[in-house]
Amino acid sequence: PYDFLANVSNEIINNIKGINRVVYDISSKPPATIEWE
């Protein structure tokens, strides 16, 4: 799965102007309970 995620993020970064980072959450918590600090 990590190879797939790396490939997808590289495709996004290399092909979409203005995108320089792709962040994905691999925690088991539902998105509604995640807080960014």
PDB file of N, CA and C in Angstrom:
ATOM      1  N   PRO A   1       0.801  -1.213   0.000  1.00  0.00           N
ATOM      2  CA  PRO A   1       0.000   0.000   0.000  1.00  0.00           C
ATOM      3  C   PRO A   1       0.843   1.278   0.000  1.00  0.00           C
ATOM      4  N   TYR A   2       2.019   1.250   0.632  1.00  0.00           N
ATOM      5  CA  TYR A   2       2.833   2.467   0.682  1.00  0.00           C
ATOM      6  C   TYR A   2       3.397   2.826  -0.683  1.00  0.00           C
ATOM      7  N   ASP A   3       3.723   1.827  -1.483  1.00  0.00           N
ATOM      8  CA  ASP A   3       4.193   2.106  -2.847  1.00  0.00           C
ATOM      9  C   ASP A   3       3.094   2.782  -3.659  1.00  0.00           C
ATOM     10  N   PHE A   4       1.877   2.299  -3.515  1.00  0.00           N
ATOM     11  CA  PHE A   4       0.748   2.905  -4.227  1.00  0.00           C
ATOM     12  C   PHE A   4       0.550   4.355  -3.797  1.00  0.00           C
ATOM     13  N   LEU A   5       0.573   4.604  -2.486  1.00  0.00           N
ATOM     14  CA  LEU A   5       0.394   5.967  -1.986  1.00  0.00           C
ATOM     15  C   LEU A   5       1.515   6.882  -2.461  1.00  0.00           C
ATOM     16  N   ALA A   6       2.737   6.376  -2.487  1.00  0.00           N
ATOM     17  CA  ALA A   6       3.863   7.173  -2.980  1.00  0.00           C
ATOM     18  C   ALA A   6       3.686   7.499  -4.456  1.00  0.00           C
ATOM     19  N   ASN A   7       3.252   6.527  -5.241  1.00  0.00           N
ATOM     20  CA  ASN A   7       3.034   6.764  -6.673  1.00  0.00           C
ATOM     21  C   ASN A   7       1.928   7.784  -6.912  1.00  0.00           C
ATOM     22  N   VAL A   8       0.836   7.660  -6.190  1.00  0.00           N
ATOM     23  CA  VAL A   8      -0.277   8.596  -6.360  1.00  0.00           C
ATOM     24  C   VAL A   8       0.145  10.002  -5.958  1.00  0.00           C
ATOM     25  N   SER A   9       0.826  10.133  -4.830  1.00  0.00           N
ATOM     26  CA  SER A   9       1.237  11.467  -4.396  1.00  0.00           C
ATOM     27  C   SER A   9       2.247  12.077  -5.357  1.00  0.00           C
ATOM     28  N   ASN A  10       3.153  11.277  -5.896  1.00  0.00           N
ATOM     29  CA  ASN A  10       4.102  11.797  -6.883  1.00  0.00           C
ATOM     30  C   ASN A  10       3.399  12.248  -8.152  1.00  0.00           C
ATOM     31  N   GLU A  11       2.407  11.496  -8.599  1.00  0.00           N
ATOM     32  CA  GLU A  11       1.648  11.892  -9.790  1.00  0.00           C
ATOM     33  C   GLU A  11       0.929  13.219  -9.562  1.00  0.00           C
ATOM     34  N   ILE A  12       0.331  13.369  -8.396  1.00  0.00           N
ATOM     35  CA  ILE A  12      -0.376  14.618  -8.088  1.00  0.00           C
ATOM     36  C   ILE A  12       0.603  15.786  -8.055  1.00  0.00           C
ATOM     37  N   ILE A  13       1.717  15.617  -7.351  1.00  0.00           N
ATOM     38  CA  ILE A  13       2.703  16.695  -7.220  1.00  0.00           C
ATOM     39  C   ILE A  13       3.307  17.056  -8.570  1.00  0.00           C
ATOM     40  N   ASN A  14       3.609  16.068  -9.388  1.00  0.00           N
ATOM     41  CA  ASN A  14       4.276  16.327 -10.664  1.00  0.00           C
ATOM     42  C   ASN A  14       3.346  16.855 -11.744  1.00  0.00           C
ATOM     43  N   ASN A  15       2.049  16.606 -11.640  1.00  0.00           N
ATOM     44  CA  ASN A  15       1.140  16.936 -12.732  1.00  0.00           C
ATOM     45  C   ASN A  15       0.162  18.070 -12.458  1.00  0.00           C
ATOM     46  N   ILE A  16       0.070  18.530 -11.224  1.00  0.00           N
ATOM     47  CA  ILE A  16      -0.864  19.608 -10.914  1.00  0.00           C
ATOM     48  C   ILE A  16      -0.065  20.823 -10.458  1.00  0.00           C
ATOM     49  N   LYS A  17      -0.139  21.879 -11.243  1.00  0.00           N
ATOM     50  CA  LYS A  17       0.610  23.095 -10.943  1.00  0.00           C
ATOM     51  C   LYS A  17       0.129  23.702  -9.622  1.00  0.00           C
ATOM     52  N   GLY A  18       1.074  24.106  -8.795  1.00  0.00           N
ATOM     53  CA  GLY A  18       0.743  24.736  -7.527  1.00  0.00           C
ATOM     54  C   GLY A  18       0.657  23.773  -6.357  1.00  0.00           C
ATOM     55  N   ILE A  19       0.690  22.481  -6.622  1.00  0.00           N
ATOM     56  CA  ILE A  19       0.653  21.488  -5.541  1.00  0.00           C
ATOM     57  C   ILE A  19       2.082  21.064  -5.243  1.00  0.00           C
ATOM     58  N   ASN A  20       2.501  21.200  -3.988  1.00  0.00           N
ATOM     59  CA  ASN A  20       3.857  20.794  -3.630  1.00  0.00           C
ATOM     60  C   ASN A  20       3.899  19.794  -2.483  1.00  0.00           C
ATOM     61  N   ARG A  21       2.713  19.379  -2.011  1.00  0.00           N
ATOM     62  CA  ARG A  21       2.682  18.417  -0.915  1.00  0.00           C
ATOM     63  C   ARG A  21       1.362  17.670  -0.933  1.00  0.00           C
ATOM     64  N   VAL A  22       1.417  16.379  -0.645  1.00  0.00           N
ATOM     65  CA  VAL A  22       0.216  15.562  -0.486  1.00  0.00           C
ATOM     66  C   VAL A  22       0.298  14.935   0.898  1.00  0.00           C
ATOM     67  N   VAL A  23      -0.754  15.107   1.676  1.00  0.00           N
ATOM     68  CA  VAL A  23      -0.781  14.577   3.042  1.00  0.00           C
ATOM     69  C   VAL A  23      -1.930  13.582   3.139  1.00  0.00           C
ATOM     70  N   TYR A  24      -1.651  12.425   3.693  1.00  0.00           N
ATOM     71  CA  TYR A  24      -2.711  11.444   3.896  1.00  0.00           C
ATOM     72  C   TYR A  24      -2.636  10.911   5.314  1.00  0.00           C
ATOM     73  N   ASP A  25      -3.792  10.615   5.859  1.00  0.00           N
ATOM     74  CA  ASP A  25      -3.906  10.165   7.243  1.00  0.00           C
ATOM     75  C   ASP A  25      -4.097   8.654   7.245  1.00  0.00           C
ATOM     76  N   ILE A  26      -3.212   7.951   7.930  1.00  0.00           N
ATOM     77  CA  ILE A  26      -3.317   6.491   7.975  1.00  0.00           C
ATOM     78  C   ILE A  26      -3.732   5.991   9.357  1.00  0.00           C
ATOM     79  N   SER A  27      -4.229   6.915  10.192  1.00  0.00           N
ATOM     80  CA  SER A  27      -4.668   6.488  11.515  1.00  0.00           C
ATOM     81  C   SER A  27      -6.003   5.752  11.413  1.00  0.00           C
ATOM     82  N   SER A  28      -6.336   5.042  12.464  1.00  0.00           N
ATOM     83  CA  SER A  28      -7.591   4.283  12.470  1.00  0.00           C
ATOM     84  C   SER A  28      -8.763   5.114  12.979  1.00  0.00           C
ATOM     85  N   LYS A  29      -8.499   6.350  13.406  1.00  0.00           N
ATOM     86  CA  LYS A  29      -9.571   7.195  13.923  1.00  0.00           C
ATOM     87  C   LYS A  29     -10.404   7.756  12.773  1.00  0.00           C
ATOM     88  N   PRO A  30     -11.706   7.907  12.971  1.00  0.00           N
ATOM     89  CA  PRO A  30     -12.535   8.542  11.945  1.00  0.00           C
ATOM     90  C   PRO A  30     -12.117  10.003  11.748  1.00  0.00           C
ATOM     91  N   PRO A  31     -12.275  10.541  10.559  1.00  0.00           N
ATOM     92  CA  PRO A  31     -11.831  11.911  10.285  1.00  0.00           C
ATOM     93  C   PRO A  31     -12.416  12.961  11.221  1.00  0.00           C
ATOM     94  N   ALA A  32     -13.628  12.766  11.705  1.00  0.00           N
ATOM     95  CA  ALA A  32     -14.268  13.772  12.553  1.00  0.00           C
ATOM     96  C   ALA A  32     -13.571  13.929  13.899  1.00  0.00           C
ATOM     97  N   THR A  33     -12.771  12.942  14.301  1.00  0.00           N
ATOM     98  CA  THR A  33     -12.138  13.023  15.615  1.00  0.00           C
ATOM     99  C   THR A  33     -10.679  13.456  15.533  1.00  0.00           C
ATOM    100  N   ILE A  34     -10.205  13.755  14.342  1.00  0.00           N
ATOM    101  CA  ILE A  34      -8.806  14.147  14.177  1.00  0.00           C
ATOM    102  C   ILE A  34      -8.701  15.663  14.281  1.00  0.00           C
ATOM    103  N   GLU A  35      -7.777  16.137  15.080  1.00  0.00           N
ATOM    104  CA  GLU A  35      -7.578  17.574  15.236  1.00  0.00           C
ATOM    105  C   GLU A  35      -6.162  17.929  14.833  1.00  0.00           C
ATOM    106  N   TRP A  36      -6.033  18.946  13.969  1.00  0.00           N
ATOM    107  CA  TRP A  36      -4.714  19.436  13.569  1.00  0.00           C
ATOM    108  C   TRP A  36      -4.258  20.461  14.594  1.00  0.00           C
ATOM    109  N   GLU A  37      -2.989  20.415  14.957  1.00  0.00           N
ATOM    110  CA  GLU A  37      -2.434  21.395  15.895  1.00  0.00           C
ATOM    111  C   GLU A  37      -1.313  22.149  15.245  1.00  0.00           C
TER     112      GLU A  37
END
